[in-house]
PDB file of N, CA and C in Angstrom:
ATOM      1  N   VAL A   1     -57.699  12.660 -34.603  1.00  0.00           N
ATOM      2  CA  VAL A   1     -56.434  12.097 -34.149  1.00  0.00           C
ATOM      3  C   VAL A   1     -56.532  11.855 -32.649  1.00  0.00           C
ATOM      4  N   GLN A   2     -56.401  10.628 -32.245  1.00  0.00           N
ATOM      5  CA  GLN A   2     -56.404  10.287 -30.820  1.00  0.00           C
ATOM      6  C   GLN A   2     -54.984   9.993 -30.380  1.00  0.00           C
ATOM      7  N   LEU A   3     -54.624  10.518 -29.221  1.00  0.00           N
ATOM      8  CA  LEU A   3     -53.273  10.359 -28.696  1.00  0.00           C
ATOM      9  C   LEU A   3     -53.315   9.631 -27.366  1.00  0.00           C
ATOM     10  N   GLN A   4     -52.335   8.772 -27.163  1.00  0.00           N
ATOM     11  CA  GLN A   4     -52.230   8.003 -25.925  1.00  0.00           C
ATOM     12  C   GLN A   4     -50.823   8.142 -25.383  1.00  0.00           C
ATOM     13  N   ALA A   5     -50.700   8.846 -24.263  1.00  0.00           N
ATOM     14  CA  ALA A   5     -49.396   9.007 -23.622  1.00  0.00           C
ATOM     15  C   ALA A   5     -49.184   7.901 -22.600  1.00  0.00           C
ATOM     16  N   SER A   6     -47.957   7.419 -22.514  1.00  0.00           N
ATOM     17  CA  SER A   6     -47.636   6.373 -21.552  1.00  0.00           C
ATOM     18  C   SER A   6     -46.170   6.459 -21.170  1.00  0.00           C
ATOM     19  N   GLY A   7     -45.788   5.670 -20.181  1.00  0.00           N
ATOM     20  CA  GLY A   7     -44.394   5.595 -19.780  1.00  0.00           C
ATOM     21  C   GLY A   7     -44.051   6.321 -18.501  1.00  0.00           C
ATOM     22  N   GLY A   8     -45.008   7.017 -17.924  1.00  0.00           N
ATOM     23  CA  GLY A   8     -44.741   7.721 -16.678  1.00  0.00           C
ATOM     24  C   GLY A   8     -44.516   6.755 -15.532  1.00  0.00           C
ATOM     25  N   GLY A   9     -44.044   7.296 -14.435  1.00  0.00           N
ATOM     26  CA  GLY A   9     -43.794   6.477 -13.256  1.00  0.00           C
ATOM     27  C   GLY A   9     -43.027   7.252 -12.219  1.00  0.00           C
ATOM     28  N   SER A  10     -42.543   6.529 -11.233  1.00  0.00           N
ATOM     29  CA  SER A  10     -41.766   7.136 -10.155  1.00  0.00           C
ATOM     30  C   SER A  10     -40.296   6.814 -10.344  1.00  0.00           C
ATOM     31  N   VAL A  11     -39.450   7.806 -10.172  1.00  0.00           N
ATOM     32  CA  VAL A  11     -38.018   7.638 -10.366  1.00  0.00           C
ATOM     33  C   VAL A  11     -37.273   8.551  -9.398  1.00  0.00           C
ATOM     34  N   GLN A  12     -36.092   8.150  -9.020  1.00  0.00           N
ATOM     35  CA  GLN A  12     -35.275   8.996  -8.161  1.00  0.00           C
ATOM     36  C   GLN A  12     -34.583  10.076  -8.979  1.00  0.00           C
ATOM     37  N   ALA A  13     -34.275  11.160  -8.324  1.00  0.00           N
ATOM     38  CA  ALA A  13     -33.568  12.249  -8.984  1.00  0.00           C
ATOM     39  C   ALA A  13     -32.277  11.715  -9.609  1.00  0.00           C
ATOM     40  N   GLY A  14     -32.022  12.163 -10.833  1.00  0.00           N
ATOM     41  CA  GLY A  14     -30.871  11.685 -11.574  1.00  0.00           C
ATOM     42  C   GLY A  14     -31.176  10.517 -12.485  1.00  0.00           C
ATOM     43  N   GLY A  15     -32.359   9.948 -12.320  1.00  0.00           N
ATOM     44  CA  GLY A  15     -32.740   8.809 -13.129  1.00  0.00           C
ATOM     45  C   GLY A  15     -33.320   9.210 -14.475  1.00  0.00           C
ATOM     46  N   SER A  16     -33.818   8.197 -15.189  1.00  0.00           N
ATOM     47  CA  SER A  16     -34.332   8.405 -16.545  1.00  0.00           C
ATOM     48  C   SER A  16     -35.679   7.723 -16.724  1.00  0.00           C
ATOM     49  N   LEU A  17     -36.459   8.274 -17.636  1.00  0.00           N
ATOM     50  CA  LEU A  17     -37.709   7.671 -18.080  1.00  0.00           C
ATOM     51  C   LEU A  17     -37.879   7.988 -19.556  1.00  0.00           C
ATOM     52  N   ARG A  18     -38.610   7.130 -20.249  1.00  0.00           N
ATOM     53  CA  ARG A  18     -38.964   7.418 -21.631  1.00  0.00           C
ATOM     54  C   ARG A  18     -40.478   7.389 -21.770  1.00  0.00           C
ATOM     55  N   LEU A  19     -41.019   8.504 -22.196  1.00  0.00           N
ATOM     56  CA  LEU A  19     -42.451   8.602 -22.442  1.00  0.00           C
ATOM     57  C   LEU A  19     -42.741   8.308 -23.914  1.00  0.00           C
ATOM     58  N   SER A  20     -43.913   7.770 -24.159  1.00  0.00           N
ATOM     59  CA  SER A  20     -44.353   7.493 -25.511  1.00  0.00           C
ATOM     60  C   SER A  20     -45.701   8.153 -25.761  1.00  0.00           C
ATOM     61  N   CYS A  21     -45.896   8.591 -26.982  1.00  0.00           N
ATOM     62  CA  CYS A  21     -47.173   9.159 -27.408  1.00  0.00           C
ATOM     63  C   CYS A  21     -47.559   8.438 -28.693  1.00  0.00           C
ATOM     64  N   ALA A  22     -48.568   7.600 -28.603  1.00  0.00           N
ATOM     65  CA  ALA A  22     -48.975   6.794 -29.736  1.00  0.00           C
ATOM     66  C   ALA A  22     -50.311   7.279 -30.279  1.00  0.00           C
ATOM     67  N   SER A  23     -50.479   7.121 -31.584  1.00  0.00           N
ATOM     68  CA  SER A  23     -51.727   7.524 -32.220  1.00  0.00           C
ATOM     69  C   SER A  23     -52.156   6.485 -33.237  1.00  0.00           C
ATOM     70  N   SER A  24     -53.452   6.327 -33.354  1.00  0.00           N
ATOM     71  CA  SER A  24     -53.984   5.410 -34.359  1.00  0.00           C
ATOM     72  C   SER A  24     -54.395   6.161 -35.617  1.00  0.00           C
ATOM     73  N   GLY A  25     -54.326   7.491 -35.589  1.00  0.00           N
ATOM     74  CA  GLY A  25     -54.746   8.279 -36.723  1.00  0.00           C
ATOM     75  C   GLY A  25     -53.689   8.370 -37.801  1.00  0.00           C
ATOM     76  N   ARG A  26     -54.093   8.227 -39.039  1.00  0.00           N
ATOM     77  CA  ARG A  26     -53.130   8.280 -40.142  1.00  0.00           C
ATOM     78  C   ARG A  26     -52.529   9.662 -40.311  1.00  0.00           C
ATOM     79  N   ALA A  27     -53.254  10.703 -39.883  1.00  0.00           N
ATOM     80  CA  ALA A  27     -52.750  12.068 -40.041  1.00  0.00           C
ATOM     81  C   ALA A  27     -51.634  12.393 -39.057  1.00  0.00           C
ATOM     82  N   PHE A  28     -51.461  11.564 -38.041  1.00  0.00           N
ATOM     83  CA  PHE A  28     -50.473  11.851 -36.991  1.00  0.00           C
ATOM     84  C   PHE A  28     -49.093  12.090 -37.558  1.00  0.00           C
ATOM     85  N   SER A  29     -48.701  11.291 -38.535  1.00  0.00           N
ATOM     86  CA  SER A  29     -47.348  11.409 -39.090  1.00  0.00           C
ATOM     87  C   SER A  29     -47.179  12.684 -39.919  1.00  0.00           C
ATOM     88  N   SER A  30     -48.274  13.363 -40.206  1.00  0.00           N
ATOM     89  CA  SER A  30     -48.207  14.606 -40.982  1.00  0.00           C
ATOM     90  C   SER A  30     -48.131  15.848 -40.096  1.00  0.00           C
ATOM     91  N   TYR A  31     -48.284  15.662 -38.792  1.00  0.00           N
ATOM     92  CA  TYR A  31     -48.351  16.799 -37.879  1.00  0.00           C
ATOM     93  C   TYR A  31     -47.137  16.882 -36.967  1.00  0.00           C
ATOM     94  N   PRO A  32     -46.752  18.101 -36.609  1.00  0.00           N
ATOM     95  CA  PRO A  32     -45.786  18.239 -35.511  1.00  0.00           C
ATOM     96  C   PRO A  32     -46.421  17.724 -34.218  1.00  0.00           C
ATOM     97  N   VAL A  33     -45.586  17.391 -33.272  1.00  0.00           N
ATOM     98  CA  VAL A  33     -46.051  16.923 -31.970  1.00  0.00           C
ATOM     99  C   VAL A  33     -45.301  17.674 -30.876  1.00  0.00           C
ATOM    100  N   GLY A  34     -46.015  17.993 -29.843  1.00  0.00           N
ATOM    101  CA  GLY A  34     -45.393  18.669 -28.701  1.00  0.00           C
ATOM    102  C   GLY A  34     -45.630  17.901 -27.420  1.00  0.00           C
ATOM    103  N   TRP A  35     -44.708  18.042 -26.481  1.00  0.00           N
ATOM    104  CA  TRP A  35     -44.883  17.549 -25.130  1.00  0.00           C
ATOM    105  C   TRP A  35     -45.039  18.754 -24.200  1.00  0.00           C
ATOM    106  N   PHE A  36     -45.969  18.635 -23.290  1.00  0.00           N
ATOM    107  CA  PHE A  36     -46.214  19.652 -22.282  1.00  0.00           C
ATOM    108  C   PHE A  36     -46.280  18.975 -20.924  1.00  0.00           C
ATOM    109  N   ARG A  37     -46.203  19.765 -19.872  1.00  0.00           N
ATOM    110  CA  ARG A  37     -46.349  19.203 -18.532  1.00  0.00           C
ATOM    111  C   ARG A  37     -47.070  20.191 -17.628  1.00  0.00           C
ATOM    112  N   GLN A  38     -47.706  19.620 -16.622  1.00  0.00           N
ATOM    113  CA  GLN A  38     -48.430  20.447 -15.665  1.00  0.00           C
ATOM    114  C   GLN A  38     -48.178  19.922 -14.265  1.00  0.00           C
ATOM    115  N   ALA A  39     -47.507  20.738 -13.481  1.00  0.00           N
ATOM    116  CA  ALA A  39     -47.247  20.388 -12.096  1.00  0.00           C
ATOM    117  C   ALA A  39     -48.425  20.827 -11.225  1.00  0.00           C
ATOM    118  N   PRO A  40     -48.593  20.240 -10.055  1.00  0.00           N
ATOM    119  CA  PRO A  40     -49.709  20.618  -9.181  1.00  0.00           C
ATOM    120  C   PRO A  40     -49.713  22.105  -8.880  1.00  0.00           C
ATOM    121  N   GLY A  41     -50.855  22.741  -9.111  1.00  0.00           N
ATOM    122  CA  GLY A  41     -51.001  24.152  -8.809  1.00  0.00           C
ATOM    123  C   GLY A  41     -50.368  25.100  -9.810  1.00  0.00           C
ATOM    124  N   LYS A  42     -49.868  24.551 -10.906  1.00  0.00           N
ATOM    125  CA  LYS A  42     -49.204  25.387 -11.918  1.00  0.00           C
ATOM    126  C   LYS A  42     -49.893  25.244 -13.261  1.00  0.00           C
ATOM    127  N   GLU A  43     -49.615  26.181 -14.135  1.00  0.00           N
ATOM    128  CA  GLU A  43     -50.171  26.122 -15.470  1.00  0.00           C
ATOM    129  C   GLU A  43     -49.418  25.100 -16.322  1.00  0.00           C
ATOM    130  N   ARG A  44     -50.100  24.613 -17.341  1.00  0.00           N
ATOM    131  CA  ARG A  44     -49.452  23.701 -18.276  1.00  0.00           C
ATOM    132  C   ARG A  44     -48.360  24.452 -19.025  1.00  0.00           C
ATOM    133  N   GLU A  45     -47.188  23.825 -19.141  1.00  0.00           N
ATOM    134  CA  GLU A  45     -46.066  24.488 -19.795  1.00  0.00           C
ATOM    135  C   GLU A  45     -45.467  23.628 -20.888  1.00  0.00           C
ATOM    136  N   PHE A  46     -44.881  24.301 -21.850  1.00  0.00           N
ATOM    137  CA  PHE A  46     -44.231  23.654 -22.984  1.00  0.00           C
ATOM    138  C   PHE A  46     -42.964  22.955 -22.540  1.00  0.00           C
ATOM    139  N   VAL A  47     -42.713  21.775 -23.130  1.00  0.00           N
ATOM    140  CA  VAL A  47     -41.495  21.028 -22.853  1.00  0.00           C
ATOM    141  C   VAL A  47     -40.642  20.866 -24.114  1.00  0.00           C
ATOM    142  N   ALA A  48     -41.239  20.337 -25.183  1.00  0.00           N
ATOM    143  CA  ALA A  48     -40.473  20.070 -26.393  1.00  0.00           C
ATOM    144  C   ALA A  48     -41.441  19.873 -27.555  1.00  0.00           C
ATOM    145  N   THR A  49     -40.918  20.064 -28.763  1.00  0.00           N
ATOM    146  CA  THR A  49     -41.725  19.828 -29.947  1.00  0.00           C
ATOM    147  C   THR A  49     -40.855  19.309 -31.079  1.00  0.00           C
ATOM    148  N   ILE A  50     -41.491  18.628 -32.023  1.00  0.00           N
ATOM    149  CA  ILE A  50     -40.764  18.028 -33.140  1.00  0.00           C
ATOM    150  C   ILE A  50     -41.619  18.181 -34.390  1.00  0.00           C
ATOM    151  N   THR A  51     -40.942  18.421 -35.519  1.00  0.00           N
ATOM    152  CA  THR A  51     -41.649  18.558 -36.779  1.00  0.00           C
ATOM    153  C   THR A  51     -42.210  17.216 -37.247  1.00  0.00           C
ATOM    154  N   SER A  52     -43.025  17.256 -38.286  1.00  0.00           N
ATOM    155  CA  SER A  52     -43.699  16.041 -38.742  1.00  0.00           C
ATOM    156  C   SER A  52     -42.720  14.976 -39.214  1.00  0.00           C
ATOM    157  N   ASN A  53     -41.639  15.382 -39.846  1.00  0.00           N
ATOM    158  CA  ASN A  53     -40.680  14.382 -40.330  1.00  0.00           C
ATOM    159  C   ASN A  53     -39.525  14.165 -39.357  1.00  0.00           C
ATOM    160  N   GLY A  54     -39.555  14.866 -38.242  1.00  0.00           N
ATOM    161  CA  GLY A  54     -38.566  14.640 -37.198  1.00  0.00           C
ATOM    162  C   GLY A  54     -37.234  15.329 -37.401  1.00  0.00           C
ATOM    163  N   ASP A  55     -37.138  16.208 -38.404  1.00  0.00           N
ATOM    164  CA  ASP A  55     -35.821  16.770 -38.694  1.00  0.00           C
ATOM    165  C   ASP A  55     -35.477  17.977 -37.827  1.00  0.00           C
ATOM    166  N   THR A  56     -36.459  18.525 -37.146  1.00  0.00           N
ATOM    167  CA  THR A  56     -36.203  19.701 -36.322  1.00  0.00           C
ATOM    168  C   THR A  56     -36.906  19.547 -34.978  1.00  0.00           C
ATOM    169  N   THR A  57     -36.194  19.922 -33.933  1.00  0.00           N
ATOM    170  CA  THR A  57     -36.748  19.864 -32.580  1.00  0.00           C
ATOM    171  C   THR A  57     -36.504  21.188 -31.866  1.00  0.00           C
ATOM    172  N   TYR A  58     -37.269  21.408 -30.818  1.00  0.00           N
ATOM    173  CA  TYR A  58     -37.106  22.621 -30.020  1.00  0.00           C
ATOM    174  C   TYR A  58     -37.496  22.290 -28.590  1.00  0.00           C
ATOM    175  N   TYR A  59     -36.717  22.856 -27.640  1.00  0.00           N
ATOM    176  CA  TYR A  59     -36.907  22.509 -26.237  1.00  0.00           C
ATOM    177  C   TYR A  59     -37.068  23.748 -25.359  1.00  0.00           C
ATOM    178  N   ALA A  60     -37.765  23.569 -24.274  1.00  0.00           N
ATOM    179  CA  ALA A  60     -37.778  24.587 -23.238  1.00  0.00           C
ATOM    180  C   ALA A  60     -36.391  24.649 -22.607  1.00  0.00           C
ATOM    181  N   ASP A  61     -36.011  25.822 -22.156  1.00  0.00           N
ATOM    182  CA  ASP A  61     -34.685  25.996 -21.553  1.00  0.00           C
ATOM    183  C   ASP A  61     -34.489  25.052 -20.362  1.00  0.00           C
ATOM    184  N   SER A  62     -35.566  24.798 -19.643  1.00  0.00           N
ATOM    185  CA  SER A  62     -35.463  24.014 -18.415  1.00  0.00           C
ATOM    186  C   SER A  62     -35.122  22.542 -18.663  1.00  0.00           C
ATOM    187  N   VAL A  63     -35.317  22.063 -19.891  1.00  0.00           N
ATOM    188  CA  VAL A  63     -35.067  20.646 -20.165  1.00  0.00           C
ATOM    189  C   VAL A  63     -34.008  20.435 -21.240  1.00  0.00           C
ATOM    190  N   ARG A  64     -33.600  21.503 -21.900  1.00  0.00           N
ATOM    191  CA  ARG A  64     -32.637  21.367 -22.989  1.00  0.00           C
ATOM    192  C   ARG A  64     -31.344  20.732 -22.466  1.00  0.00           C
ATOM    193  N   GLY A  65     -30.880  19.728 -23.192  1.00  0.00           N
ATOM    194  CA  GLY A  65     -29.672  19.020 -22.786  1.00  0.00           C
ATOM    195  C   GLY A  65     -29.954  17.800 -21.914  1.00  0.00           C
ATOM    196  N   ARG A  66     -31.167  17.708 -21.386  1.00  0.00           N
ATOM    197  CA  ARG A  66     -31.533  16.549 -20.550  1.00  0.00           C
ATOM    198  C   ARG A  66     -32.611  15.691 -21.217  1.00  0.00           C
ATOM    199  N   PHE A  67     -33.499  16.321 -21.950  1.00  0.00           N
ATOM    200  CA  PHE A  67     -34.601  15.617 -22.611  1.00  0.00           C
ATOM    201  C   PHE A  67     -34.348  15.572 -24.112  1.00  0.00           C
ATOM    202  N   THR A  68     -34.830  14.499 -24.739  1.00  0.00           N
ATOM    203  CA  THR A  68     -34.735  14.366 -26.189  1.00  0.00           C
ATOM    204  C   THR A  68     -36.068  13.892 -26.743  1.00  0.00           C
ATOM    205  N   ILE A  69     -36.597  14.643 -27.700  1.00  0.00           N
ATOM    206  CA  ILE A  69     -37.826  14.251 -28.363  1.00  0.00           C
ATOM    207  C   ILE A  69     -37.466  13.609 -29.703  1.00  0.00           C
ATOM    208  N   SER A  70     -38.188  12.553 -30.045  1.00  0.00           N
ATOM    209  CA  SER A  70     -37.941  11.867 -31.311  1.00  0.00           C
ATOM    210  C   SER A  70     -39.255  11.230 -31.756  1.00  0.00           C
ATOM    211  N   ARG A  71     -39.263  10.755 -32.996  1.00  0.00           N
ATOM    212  CA  ARG A  71     -40.476  10.116 -33.476  1.00  0.00           C
ATOM    213  C   ARG A  71     -40.154   8.993 -34.440  1.00  0.00           C
ATOM    214  N   ASP A  72     -41.058   8.029 -34.503  1.00  0.00           N
ATOM    215  CA  ASP A  72     -40.993   6.925 -35.441  1.00  0.00           C
ATOM    216  C   ASP A  72     -42.337   6.907 -36.152  1.00  0.00           C
ATOM    217  N   ASN A  73     -42.387   7.493 -37.318  1.00  0.00           N
ATOM    218  CA  ASN A  73     -43.666   7.593 -38.025  1.00  0.00           C
ATOM    219  C   ASN A  73     -44.176   6.241 -38.509  1.00  0.00           C
ATOM    220  N   ALA A  74     -43.283   5.295 -38.684  1.00  0.00           N
ATOM    221  CA  ALA A  74     -43.731   3.952 -39.068  1.00  0.00           C
ATOM    222  C   ALA A  74     -44.548   3.313 -37.946  1.00  0.00           C
ATOM    223  N   LYS A  75     -44.278   3.729 -36.713  1.00  0.00           N
ATOM    224  CA  LYS A  75     -45.003   3.221 -35.556  1.00  0.00           C
ATOM    225  C   LYS A  75     -46.024   4.240 -35.028  1.00  0.00           C
ATOM    226  N   ASN A  76     -46.132   5.379 -35.720  1.00  0.00           N
ATOM    227  CA  ASN A  76     -47.058   6.426 -35.267  1.00  0.00           C
ATOM    228  C   ASN A  76     -46.839   6.784 -33.803  1.00  0.00           C
ATOM    229  N   THR A  77     -45.582   6.942 -33.448  1.00  0.00           N
ATOM    230  CA  THR A  77     -45.241   7.176 -32.045  1.00  0.00           C
ATOM    231  C   THR A  77     -44.175   8.259 -31.922  1.00  0.00           C
ATOM    232  N   VAL A  78     -44.349   9.100 -30.933  1.00  0.00           N
ATOM    233  CA  VAL A  78     -43.351  10.108 -30.572  1.00  0.00           C
ATOM    234  C   VAL A  78     -42.870   9.790 -29.168  1.00  0.00           C
ATOM    235  N   TYR A  79     -41.582   9.989 -28.947  1.00  0.00           N
ATOM    236  CA  TYR A  79     -40.975   9.658 -27.670  1.00  0.00           C
ATOM    237  C   TYR A  79     -40.404  10.902 -26.991  1.00  0.00           C
ATOM    238  N   LEU A  80     -40.330  10.840 -25.692  1.00  0.00           N
ATOM    239  CA  LEU A  80     -39.623  11.857 -24.918  1.00  0.00           C
ATOM    240  C   LEU A  80     -38.700  11.133 -23.950  1.00  0.00           C
ATOM    241  N   GLN A  81     -37.422  11.120 -24.284  1.00  0.00           N
ATOM    242  CA  GLN A  81     -36.419  10.522 -23.410  1.00  0.00           C
ATOM    243  C   GLN A  81     -36.000  11.563 -22.382  1.00  0.00           C
ATOM    244  N   MET A  82     -36.171  11.232 -21.119  1.00  0.00           N
ATOM    245  CA  MET A  82     -35.885  12.186 -20.044  1.00  0.00           C
ATOM    246  C   MET A  82     -34.751  11.632 -19.190  1.00  0.00           C
ATOM    247  N   ASN A  83     -33.634  12.316 -19.204  1.00  0.00           N
ATOM    248  CA  ASN A  83     -32.466  11.917 -18.419  1.00  0.00           C
ATOM    249  C   ASN A  83     -32.170  12.962 -17.340  1.00  0.00           C
ATOM    250  N   SER A  84     -31.375  12.593 -16.388  1.00  0.00           N
ATOM    251  CA  SER A  84     -30.971  13.490 -15.302  1.00  0.00           C
ATOM    252  C   SER A  84     -32.183  14.189 -14.694  1.00  0.00           C
ATOM    253  N   LEU A  85     -33.187  13.409 -14.389  1.00  0.00           N
ATOM    254  CA  LEU A  85     -34.435  13.988 -13.887  1.00  0.00           C
ATOM    255  C   LEU A  85     -34.222  14.705 -12.562  1.00  0.00           C
ATOM    256  N   GLU A  86     -34.945  15.791 -12.424  1.00  0.00           N
ATOM    257  CA  GLU A  86     -34.861  16.632 -11.233  1.00  0.00           C
ATOM    258  C   GLU A  86     -36.234  16.654 -10.541  1.00  0.00           C
ATOM    259  N   LEU A  87     -36.218  17.037  -9.271  1.00  0.00           N
ATOM    260  CA  LEU A  87     -37.481  17.106  -8.523  1.00  0.00           C
ATOM    261  C   LEU A  87     -38.496  17.995  -9.241  1.00  0.00           C
ATOM    262  N   GLU A  88     -37.988  19.052  -9.864  1.00  0.00           N
ATOM    263  CA  GLU A  88     -38.860  20.011 -10.540  1.00  0.00           C
ATOM    264  C   GLU A  88     -39.507  19.461 -11.798  1.00  0.00           C
ATOM    265  N   ASP A  89     -39.080  18.290 -12.238  1.00  0.00           N
ATOM    266  CA  ASP A  89     -39.680  17.658 -13.416  1.00  0.00           C
ATOM    267  C   ASP A  89     -40.954  16.895 -13.068  1.00  0.00           C
ATOM    268  N   THR A  90     -41.286  16.801 -11.798  1.00  0.00           N
ATOM    269  CA  THR A  90     -42.500  16.112 -11.384  1.00  0.00           C
ATOM    270  C   THR A  90     -43.717  16.837 -11.938  1.00  0.00           C
ATOM    271  N   ALA A  91     -44.544  16.099 -12.688  1.00  0.00           N
ATOM    272  CA  ALA A  91     -45.712  16.697 -13.338  1.00  0.00           C
ATOM    273  C   ALA A  91     -46.473  15.615 -14.091  1.00  0.00           C
ATOM    274  N   VAL A  92     -47.650  15.993 -14.549  1.00  0.00           N
ATOM    275  CA  VAL A  92     -48.355  15.171 -15.533  1.00  0.00           C
ATOM    276  C   VAL A  92     -47.898  15.646 -16.904  1.00  0.00           C
ATOM    277  N   TYR A  93     -47.448  14.714 -17.717  1.00  0.00           N
ATOM    278  CA  TYR A  93     -46.935  15.030 -19.040  1.00  0.00           C
ATOM    279  C   TYR A  93     -47.987  14.699 -20.092  1.00  0.00           C
ATOM    280  N   TYR A  94     -48.188  15.646 -21.002  1.00  0.00           N
ATOM    281  CA  TYR A  94     -49.167  15.500 -22.067  1.00  0.00           C
ATOM    282  C   TYR A  94     -48.485  15.608 -23.423  1.00  0.00           C
ATOM    283  N   CYS A  95     -48.961  14.818 -24.388  1.00  0.00           N
ATOM    284  CA  CYS A  95     -48.539  15.027 -25.758  1.00  0.00           C
ATOM    285  C   CYS A  95     -49.702  15.664 -26.511  1.00  0.00           C
ATOM    286  N   ALA A  96     -49.339  16.411 -27.533  1.00  0.00           N
ATOM    287  CA  ALA A  96     -50.339  17.133 -28.310  1.00  0.00           C
ATOM    288  C   ALA A  96     -49.892  17.201 -29.757  1.00  0.00           C
ATOM    289  N   SER A  97     -50.866  17.352 -30.641  1.00  0.00           N
ATOM    290  CA  SER A  97     -50.544  17.381 -32.052  1.00  0.00           C
ATOM    291  C   SER A  97     -51.559  18.226 -32.805  1.00  0.00           C
ATOM    292  N   GLY A  98     -51.288  18.454 -34.064  1.00  0.00           N
ATOM    293  CA  GLY A  98     -52.194  19.232 -34.888  1.00  0.00           C
ATOM    294  C   GLY A  98     -51.426  19.944 -35.973  1.00  0.00           C
ATOM    295  N   PRO A  99     -52.107  20.400 -37.000  1.00  0.00           N
ATOM    296  CA  PRO A  99     -51.418  21.037 -38.125  1.00  0.00           C
ATOM    297  C   PRO A  99     -50.725  22.344 -37.761  1.00  0.00           C
ATOM    298  N   GLY A 100     -51.156  22.996 -36.704  1.00  0.00           N
ATOM    299  CA  GLY A 100     -50.536  24.257 -36.303  1.00  0.00           C
ATOM    300  C   GLY A 100     -49.436  24.097 -35.293  1.00  0.00           C
ATOM    301  N   GLY A 101     -48.945  22.864 -35.090  1.00  0.00           N
ATOM    302  CA  GLY A 101     -47.964  22.584 -34.066  1.00  0.00           C
ATOM    303  C   GLY A 101     -46.578  23.090 -34.380  1.00  0.00           C
ATOM    304  N   PHE A 102     -45.567  22.462 -33.766  1.00  0.00           N
ATOM    305  CA  PHE A 102     -44.184  22.947 -33.721  1.00  0.00           C
ATOM    306  C   PHE A 102     -44.196  24.380 -33.214  1.00  0.00           C
ATOM    307  N   SER A 103     -44.827  24.504 -32.070  1.00  0.00           N
ATOM    308  CA  SER A 103     -44.987  25.822 -31.476  1.00  0.00           C
ATOM    309  C   SER A 103     -45.064  25.675 -29.967  1.00  0.00           C
ATOM    310  N   VAL A 104     -44.879  26.768 -29.270  1.00  0.00           N
ATOM    311  CA  VAL A 104     -44.866  26.735 -27.809  1.00  0.00           C
ATOM    312  C   VAL A 104     -46.256  26.849 -27.186  1.00  0.00           C
ATOM    313  N   PRO A 105     -47.113  27.745 -27.641  1.00  0.00           N
ATOM    314  CA  PRO A 105     -48.408  27.916 -26.969  1.00  0.00           C
ATOM    315  C   PRO A 105     -49.295  26.674 -27.055  1.00  0.00           C
ATOM    316  N   THR A 106     -50.002  26.410 -25.977  1.00  0.00           N
ATOM    317  CA  THR A 106     -50.887  25.250 -25.965  1.00  0.00           C
ATOM    318  C   THR A 106     -51.988  25.367 -27.008  1.00  0.00           C
ATOM    319  N   TRP A 107     -52.402  26.611 -27.290  1.00  0.00           N
ATOM    320  CA  TRP A 107     -53.532  26.776 -28.220  1.00  0.00           C
ATOM    321  C   TRP A 107     -53.146  26.429 -29.675  1.00  0.00           C
ATOM    322  N   SER A 108     -51.878  26.215 -29.930  1.00  0.00           N
ATOM    323  CA  SER A 108     -51.444  25.830 -31.275  1.00  0.00           C
ATOM    324  C   SER A 108     -51.808  24.392 -31.616  1.00  0.00           C
ATOM    325  N   TYR A 109     -52.136  23.605 -30.600  1.00  0.00           N
ATOM    326  CA  TYR A 109     -52.348  22.178 -30.780  1.00  0.00           C
ATOM    327  C   TYR A 109     -53.835  21.831 -30.656  1.00  0.00           C
ATOM    328  N   ASP A 110     -54.304  21.013 -31.580  1.00  0.00           N
ATOM    329  CA  ASP A 110     -55.722  20.662 -31.629  1.00  0.00           C
ATOM    330  C   ASP A 110     -56.058  19.380 -30.877  1.00  0.00           C
ATOM    331  N   TYR A 111     -55.109  18.475 -30.796  1.00  0.00           N
ATOM    332  CA  TYR A 111     -55.382  17.154 -30.243  1.00  0.00           C
ATOM    333  C   TYR A 111     -54.461  16.896 -29.053  1.00  0.00           C
ATOM    334  N   TRP A 112     -55.037  16.352 -27.985  1.00  0.00           N
ATOM    335  CA  TRP A 112     -54.295  16.136 -26.737  1.00  0.00           C
ATOM    336  C   TRP A 112     -54.503  14.721 -26.219  1.00  0.00           C
ATOM    337  N   GLY A 113     -53.439  14.156 -25.681  1.00  0.00           N
ATOM    338  CA  GLY A 113     -53.547  12.888 -24.989  1.00  0.00           C
ATOM    339  C   GLY A 113     -54.019  13.096 -23.566  1.00  0.00           C
ATOM    340  N   GLN A 114     -54.185  12.009 -22.832  1.00  0.00           N
ATOM    341  CA  GLN A 114     -54.763  12.079 -21.498  1.00  0.00           C
ATOM    342  C   GLN A 114     -53.756  12.392 -20.403  1.00  0.00           C
ATOM    343  N   GLY A 115     -52.479  12.323 -20.693  1.00  0.00           N
ATOM    344  CA  GLY A 115     -51.456  12.630 -19.696  1.00  0.00           C
ATOM    345  C   GLY A 115     -50.931  11.404 -18.988  1.00  0.00           C
ATOM    346  N   THR A 116     -49.669  11.462 -18.607  1.00  0.00           N
ATOM    347  CA  THR A 116     -49.040  10.404 -17.838  1.00  0.00           C
ATOM    348  C   THR A 116     -48.206  11.055 -16.729  1.00  0.00           C
ATOM    349  N   LEU A 117     -48.306  10.515 -15.526  1.00  0.00           N
ATOM    350  CA  LEU A 117     -47.698  11.143 -14.361  1.00  0.00           C
ATOM    351  C   LEU A 117     -46.247  10.717 -14.196  1.00  0.00           C
ATOM    352  N   VAL A 118     -45.379  11.708 -14.024  1.00  0.00           N
ATOM    353  CA  VAL A 118     -43.973  11.482 -13.710  1.00  0.00           C
ATOM    354  C   VAL A 118     -43.703  12.057 -12.324  1.00  0.00           C
ATOM    355  N   THR A 119     -43.193  11.227 -11.441  1.00  0.00           N
ATOM    356  CA  THR A 119     -42.873  11.665 -10.083  1.00  0.00           C
ATOM    357  C   THR A 119     -41.401  11.420  -9.824  1.00  0.00           C
ATOM    358  N   VAL A 120     -40.685  12.488  -9.519  1.00  0.00           N
ATOM    359  CA  VAL A 120     -39.259  12.396  -9.233  1.00  0.00           C
ATOM    360  C   VAL A 120     -39.056  12.653  -7.742  1.00  0.00           C
ATOM    361  N   SER A 121     -38.375  11.725  -7.078  1.00  0.00           N
ATOM    362  CA  SER A 121     -38.162  11.842  -5.643  1.00  0.00           C
ATOM    363  C   SER A 121     -36.677  11.918  -5.319  1.00  0.00           C
ATOM    364  N   SER A 122     -36.382  12.427  -4.153  1.00  0.00           N
ATOM    365  CA  SER A 122     -34.976  12.567  -3.745  1.00  0.00           C
ATOM    366  C   SER A 122     -34.464  11.308  -3.065  1.00  0.00           C
TER     367      SER A 122
END
């Protein structure tokens, strides 16, 4: 399963961005998907995850109520809608997938995208 994250960019605090995670693998729609982020000098941290059919989601406390994860299995794509962005949201965002997903630890996921940079400025 190959993953391609996109949609990052520069935005002012309070703004919005939508990230996409696309896959060409047929198994993608059978796996949960997670979004993670890594800020400079910090460890990679969990952001959000969604089940394979999209019926259940889970968020980190720091983004709950501001970010929304969703998926379109017909397009083999998972999205992360990010609203009310804060300076602390600046990071490289990664999507990940695998049969052991819908979990917080990074080691639960077998497949990772290359990351997309989100920069939030004041």
